[in-house]
């Protein structure tokens, strides 16, 4: 089982290929993913890399955290599980309702 790494502070021009190449010297990169905005397709400035072993992931984190990529400082650490999201939308709390008669 691999170890997932969070990479923040990515340049908006960064590609998954560049991310994979950045981590390759520290071990086998199972996957590299740059997160993009679902509407515009532009990078959101962060991504995830999965290394084949936890030891490789620790080496990569130690070596790459606080380094520069195209002038931006990277934040590299162990990825945490995604927080459960609260439901969106929902009730408007009883507001609205149209015209009201006044006495």
Protein backbone atom coordinates (compact mmCIF):
# COMPACT_ATOMS: atom_id res chain seq x y z
CA UNK A 1 0.00 0.00 0.00
CA UNK A 2 1.32 3.41 -0.97
CA UNK A 3 1.46 6.63 0.97
CA UNK A 4 -0.41 9.74 -0.16
CA UNK A 5 1.24 13.17 -0.01
CA UNK A 6 -0.41 16.60 -0.14
CA UNK A 7 1.45 19.22 -2.19
CA UNK A 8 0.31 22.82 -1.73
CA UNK A 9 1.62 26.06 -3.22
CA UNK A 10 1.94 24.64 -6.72
CA UNK A 11 2.32 27.12 -9.56
CA UNK A 12 -0.96 27.33 -11.49
CA UNK A 13 0.93 26.21 -14.59
CA UNK A 14 2.18 22.97 -12.95
CA UNK A 15 1.28 19.72 -14.72
CA UNK A 16 0.87 16.21 -13.39
CA UNK A 17 3.97 15.21 -15.38
CA UNK A 18 6.05 17.91 -13.66
CA UNK A 19 4.72 16.84 -10.26
CA UNK A 20 5.63 13.22 -10.96
CA UNK A 21 9.13 14.22 -12.12
CA UNK A 22 9.64 16.33 -8.98
CA UNK A 23 8.98 13.32 -6.71
CA UNK A 24 10.64 10.61 -8.85
CA UNK A 25 14.15 10.98 -7.32
CA UNK A 26 12.73 9.87 -3.95
CA UNK A 27 11.09 6.63 -5.07
CA UNK A 28 8.38 5.14 -7.24
CA UNK A 29 5.54 7.57 -7.98
CA UNK A 30 2.31 5.57 -8.18
CA UNK A 31 0.23 8.61 -9.17
CA UNK A 32 0.45 12.40 -9.35
CA UNK A 33 -2.64 14.57 -9.59
CA UNK A 34 -3.03 18.34 -9.85
CA UNK A 35 -6.45 19.44 -8.57
CA UNK A 36 -8.35 21.68 -10.98
CA UNK A 37 -11.44 23.84 -10.72
CA UNK A 38 -14.36 21.85 -12.09
CA UNK A 39 -15.81 24.83 -13.96
CA UNK A 40 -12.74 26.55 -15.39
CA UNK A 41 -10.31 23.63 -15.54
CA UNK A 42 -7.56 25.84 -14.07
CA UNK A 43 -5.25 24.43 -11.40
CA UNK A 44 -6.27 25.25 -7.84
CA UNK A 45 -2.62 25.35 -6.74
CA UNK A 46 -2.43 22.00 -4.98
CA UNK A 47 -2.27 18.32 -5.72
CA UNK A 48 -1.56 14.84 -4.43
CA UNK A 49 1.22 12.37 -5.07
CA UNK A 50 1.11 8.71 -4.11
CA UNK A 51 4.44 6.99 -3.49
CA UNK A 52 4.80 3.21 -3.44
CA UNK A 53 6.04 3.00 0.18
CA UNK A 54 5.72 5.08 3.34
CA UNK A 55 9.52 5.32 3.57
CA UNK A 56 9.72 6.88 0.09
CA UNK A 57 6.95 9.31 1.02
CA UNK A 58 8.79 10.38 4.19
CA UNK A 59 12.00 10.96 2.20
CA UNK A 60 10.13 13.06 -0.37
CA UNK A 61 8.33 15.11 2.30
CA UNK A 62 11.60 15.81 4.15
CA UNK A 63 13.40 16.79 0.95
CA UNK A 64 10.69 18.85 -0.78
CA UNK A 65 8.77 20.68 1.98
CA UNK A 66 9.45 24.45 1.86
CA UNK A 67 11.36 24.20 -1.45
CA UNK A 68 10.64 26.37 -4.49
CA UNK A 69 8.89 25.46 -7.73
CA UNK A 70 8.73 28.26 -10.32
CA UNK A 71 9.11 30.88 -7.58
CA UNK A 72 6.44 29.44 -5.27
CA UNK A 73 7.14 27.79 -1.92
CA UNK A 74 5.76 24.28 -1.71
CA UNK A 75 4.00 22.82 1.32
CA UNK A 76 4.56 19.08 1.28
CA UNK A 77 3.14 16.81 3.97
CA UNK A 78 1.24 13.59 4.56
CA UNK A 79 -2.26 13.82 3.12
CA UNK A 80 -5.09 13.63 5.65
CA UNK A 81 -8.44 12.03 4.88
CA UNK A 82 -10.95 14.44 3.40
CA UNK A 83 -13.24 16.01 5.98
CA UNK A 84 -16.91 15.12 5.55
CA UNK A 85 -18.72 18.02 3.98
CA UNK A 86 -21.89 19.51 5.39
CA UNK A 87 -24.88 19.59 3.09
CA UNK A 88 -25.13 22.59 0.82
CA UNK A 89 -28.17 24.60 -0.04
CA UNK A 90 -30.86 23.67 2.41
CA UNK A 91 -33.66 25.68 3.93
CA UNK A 92 -33.81 29.43 3.86
CA UNK A 93 -34.93 29.49 7.48
CA UNK A 94 -38.55 30.47 6.83
CA UNK A 95 -37.80 33.75 5.08
CA UNK A 96 -39.51 34.79 1.92
CA UNK A 97 -43.11 33.92 1.36
CA UNK A 98 -44.47 36.72 -0.74
CA UNK A 99 -46.96 39.49 0.11
CA UNK A 100 -48.28 39.88 3.62
CA UNK A 101 -51.42 41.76 4.59
CA UNK A 102 -51.08 44.46 7.21
CA UNK A 103 -53.90 45.28 9.57
